[in-house]
């Protein structure tokens, strides 16, 4: 395996003293996990933030071996990690995507939709401008993996929040049933913060 592609960094788990195992979503190769040497070091720590867009150089001697990756930052989501609502949204959508998608299956529609959603979260003045996109992304993820139906029609913020609430059971049952980590805790934190907008 040898590829060079832009990727959305979905997760980075500590490995050894300074390395990480990064999970990245590429348009043509789907989700790829790779070993990043020095990923917890001073230079790469700002690069391996979930939500960041990176240029990934990924190499492996065989398809059964965990690849090695060199990452270069393209777009940072770091500035939004200090914003509680934006940080919760970025954390949720990247954790959900990392947990739900199988490795090395291309999902170009999901790649594009996730990139657009992250851009909306980071460029909007208010969460009201991206909550609908979040609900649509969750529905798209369910549909792309064979568990959903049509794109939801959303008229306003209240309806978007209702759809998010309805989709939680489907996500827990179908997309996150086999996960070891409590990924839904990230969603519940986000939902609590979104509830404050309408209370």
Protein backbone atom coordinates (compact mmCIF):
# COMPACT_ATOMS: atom_id res chain seq x y z
CA UNK A 1 0.00 0.00 0.00
CA UNK A 2 1.28 3.42 -0.96
CA UNK A 3 -0.83 6.52 -1.23
CA UNK A 4 -0.64 10.27 -0.99
CA UNK A 5 -3.94 12.04 -0.41
CA UNK A 6 -5.66 14.78 1.54
CA UNK A 7 -7.52 13.30 4.50
CA UNK A 8 -9.80 14.32 7.34
CA UNK A 9 -8.21 13.24 10.60
CA UNK A 10 -10.88 11.42 12.62
CA UNK A 11 -9.06 10.08 15.67
CA UNK A 12 -5.59 9.75 17.17
CA UNK A 13 -4.93 7.16 19.85
CA UNK A 14 -1.68 7.15 21.83
CA UNK A 15 0.72 4.34 20.96
CA UNK A 16 3.97 3.80 22.83
CA UNK A 17 5.82 6.79 24.24
CA UNK A 18 5.36 9.39 21.51
CA UNK A 19 3.51 7.85 18.57
CA UNK A 20 -0.19 7.73 17.68
CA UNK A 21 -2.42 5.51 15.60
CA UNK A 22 -4.30 7.98 13.41
CA UNK A 23 -7.57 7.17 11.69
CA UNK A 24 -8.11 9.29 8.59
CA UNK A 25 -10.87 9.53 6.00
CA UNK A 26 -9.70 9.86 2.40
CA UNK A 27 -11.99 10.35 -0.55
CA UNK A 28 -10.76 7.44 -2.69
CA UNK A 29 -9.47 4.95 -0.13
CA UNK A 30 -11.99 5.42 2.67
CA UNK A 31 -10.88 5.30 6.26
CA UNK A 32 -7.24 4.35 6.79
CA UNK A 33 -5.50 3.72 10.11
CA UNK A 34 -1.77 4.42 10.23
CA UNK A 35 1.11 4.68 12.67
CA UNK A 36 2.41 8.25 13.04
CA UNK A 37 5.84 8.42 14.67
CA UNK A 38 6.17 11.39 17.02
CA UNK A 39 2.43 12.11 16.84
CA UNK A 40 2.40 13.27 20.47
CA UNK A 41 5.55 15.34 20.09
CA UNK A 42 5.69 19.12 20.03
CA UNK A 43 5.71 19.41 16.23
CA UNK A 44 2.91 16.97 15.39
CA UNK A 45 0.59 17.44 18.37
CA UNK A 46 -1.22 20.38 16.66
CA UNK A 47 -1.50 18.32 13.46
CA UNK A 48 -3.18 15.21 14.90
CA UNK A 49 -6.30 17.01 16.14
CA UNK A 50 -9.57 15.37 15.06
CA UNK A 51 -11.24 17.44 12.36
CA UNK A 52 -7.98 18.70 10.86
CA UNK A 53 -7.37 18.30 7.14
CA UNK A 54 -3.95 16.78 6.50
CA UNK A 55 -1.91 15.74 3.52
CA UNK A 56 -1.11 12.11 4.29
CA UNK A 57 1.74 10.07 2.85
CA UNK A 58 0.86 6.49 3.78
CA UNK A 59 3.05 3.46 3.13
CA UNK A 60 2.92 -0.21 4.05
CA UNK A 61 4.94 -3.20 2.86
CA UNK A 62 1.82 -5.36 2.64
CA UNK A 63 -1.95 -4.93 2.91
CA UNK A 64 -1.97 -6.84 6.20
CA UNK A 65 0.57 -4.53 7.86
CA UNK A 66 -0.37 -1.35 9.74
CA UNK A 67 0.86 1.44 7.47
CA UNK A 68 3.19 4.25 8.49
CA UNK A 69 2.08 7.81 7.76
CA UNK A 70 3.70 11.20 7.45
CA UNK A 71 1.23 14.03 7.95
CA UNK A 72 1.34 17.66 6.90
CA UNK A 73 -1.28 20.11 8.14
CA UNK A 74 -3.53 21.63 5.48
CA UNK A 75 -6.42 23.07 7.55
CA UNK A 76 -6.48 23.33 11.33
CA UNK A 77 -9.62 23.05 13.46
CA UNK A 78 -7.57 23.86 16.56
CA UNK A 79 -8.85 27.45 16.93
CA UNK A 80 -12.42 26.13 17.40
CA UNK A 81 -11.51 23.76 20.23
CA UNK A 82 -11.84 26.69 22.63
CA UNK A 83 -15.49 27.17 21.59
CA UNK A 84 -17.54 24.68 23.65
CA UNK A 85 -20.31 24.09 21.09
CA UNK A 86 -18.05 23.89 18.04
CA UNK A 87 -15.58 21.65 19.91
CA UNK A 88 -18.39 19.29 20.99
CA UNK A 89 -19.72 19.10 17.42
CA UNK A 90 -16.29 18.40 15.90
CA UNK A 91 -15.59 15.79 18.57
CA UNK A 92 -18.93 14.06 17.94
CA UNK A 93 -18.85 13.88 14.14
CA UNK A 94 -15.24 12.72 13.98
CA UNK A 95 -15.71 10.10 16.73
CA UNK A 96 -18.91 8.84 15.11
CA UNK A 97 -17.30 8.56 11.69
CA UNK A 98 -14.17 6.85 13.06
CA UNK A 99 -16.28 4.32 14.97
CA UNK A 100 -18.89 3.60 12.31
CA UNK A 101 -16.95 3.25 9.07
CA UNK A 102 -15.13 0.09 8.06
CA UNK A 103 -11.53 0.54 6.95
CA UNK A 104 -10.48 0.96 3.34
CA UNK A 105 -13.97 1.17 1.85
CA UNK A 106 -14.38 4.39 -0.14
CA UNK A 107 -17.30 6.65 0.76
CA UNK A 108 -16.71 9.77 -1.37
CA UNK A 109 -20.14 11.20 -0.53
CA UNK A 110 -19.46 10.92 3.20
CA UNK A 111 -15.99 12.41 2.78
CA UNK A 112 -17.46 15.42 0.98
CA UNK A 113 -20.35 15.79 3.43
CA UNK A 114 -18.09 15.58 6.49
CA UNK A 115 -15.71 18.15 5.03
CA UNK A 116 -18.64 20.49 4.35
CA UNK A 117 -20.07 19.98 7.84
CA UNK A 118 -16.72 20.71 9.52
CA UNK A 119 -16.35 23.85 7.38
CA UNK A 120 -19.86 24.96 8.39
CA UNK A 121 -19.16 24.37 12.09
CA UNK A 122 -15.96 26.42 11.88
CA UNK A 123 -17.21 29.28 9.70
CA UNK A 124 -20.73 29.92 11.02
CA UNK A 125 -21.55 32.69 13.44
CA UNK A 126 -24.00 30.45 15.31
CA UNK A 127 -24.79 26.76 15.72
CA UNK A 128 -28.21 27.53 14.26
CA UNK A 129 -26.45 27.68 10.89
CA UNK A 130 -25.03 24.14 11.04
CA UNK A 131 -27.43 22.06 13.17
CA UNK A 132 -29.45 21.11 10.08
CA UNK A 133 -26.25 19.97 8.31
CA UNK A 134 -25.39 17.85 11.36
CA UNK A 135 -28.78 16.10 11.27
CA UNK A 136 -28.44 15.54 7.52
CA UNK A 137 -24.91 14.13 7.96
CA UNK A 138 -26.05 11.62 10.57
CA UNK A 139 -28.90 10.53 8.28
CA UNK A 140 -26.48 10.23 5.35
CA UNK A 141 -24.11 8.08 7.41
CA UNK A 142 -26.97 5.77 8.36
CA UNK A 143 -28.11 5.58 4.73
CA UNK A 144 -24.63 5.00 3.28
CA UNK A 145 -24.11 2.09 5.69
CA UNK A 146 -27.50 0.57 4.85
CA UNK A 147 -29.60 1.62 7.86
CA UNK A 148 -31.47 4.70 6.78
CA UNK A 149 -34.00 6.12 4.41
CA UNK A 150 -34.46 9.53 2.87
CA UNK A 151 -32.72 12.81 3.59
CA UNK A 152 -34.77 14.51 6.33
CA UNK A 153 -36.73 17.64 5.43
CA UNK A 154 -35.93 20.24 8.07
CA UNK A 155 -37.89 23.49 8.38
CA UNK A 156 -36.37 25.05 11.49
CA UNK A 157 -34.05 24.59 14.45
CA UNK A 158 -36.68 22.84 16.58
CA UNK A 159 -37.31 20.26 13.88
CA UNK A 160 -33.55 19.71 13.41
CA UNK A 161 -33.20 19.00 17.14
CA UNK A 162 -36.16 16.58 17.03
CA UNK A 163 -34.52 14.71 14.16
CA UNK A 164 -31.24 14.54 16.07
CA UNK A 165 -33.12 13.06 19.04
CA UNK A 166 -34.84 10.46 16.84
CA UNK A 167 -31.61 9.44 15.15
CA UNK A 168 -29.77 8.77 18.42
CA UNK A 169 -31.44 5.37 18.92
CA UNK A 170 -30.65 4.32 15.34
CA UNK A 171 -27.04 5.41 15.69
CA UNK A 172 -26.64 3.58 19.00
CA UNK A 173 -28.29 0.42 17.68
CA UNK A 174 -26.75 0.17 14.21
CA UNK A 175 -23.58 2.23 14.02
CA UNK A 176 -22.13 2.05 17.53
CA UNK A 177 -23.37 -1.31 18.81
CA UNK A 178 -19.94 -2.93 18.60
CA UNK A 179 -17.79 -0.07 19.87
CA UNK A 180 -15.83 -0.43 23.07
CA UNK A 181 -15.59 3.28 23.82
CA UNK A 182 -18.62 5.28 24.83
CA UNK A 183 -18.81 7.38 21.69
CA UNK A 184 -22.38 8.41 22.47
CA UNK A 185 -21.13 10.41 25.46
CA UNK A 186 -19.73 12.92 22.94
CA UNK A 187 -23.16 13.17 21.32
CA UNK A 188 -24.94 13.63 24.63
CA UNK A 189 -22.57 16.48 25.57
CA UNK A 190 -23.25 18.14 22.22
CA UNK A 191 -27.01 17.68 22.59
CA UNK A 192 -26.95 19.27 26.07
CA UNK A 193 -25.12 22.27 24.67
CA UNK A 194 -27.50 22.56 21.74
CA UNK A 195 -30.49 22.45 24.12
CA UNK A 196 -29.24 25.66 25.75
CA UNK A 197 -29.82 27.50 22.47
CA UNK A 198 -33.57 27.02 22.67
CA UNK A 199 -34.11 27.13 26.43
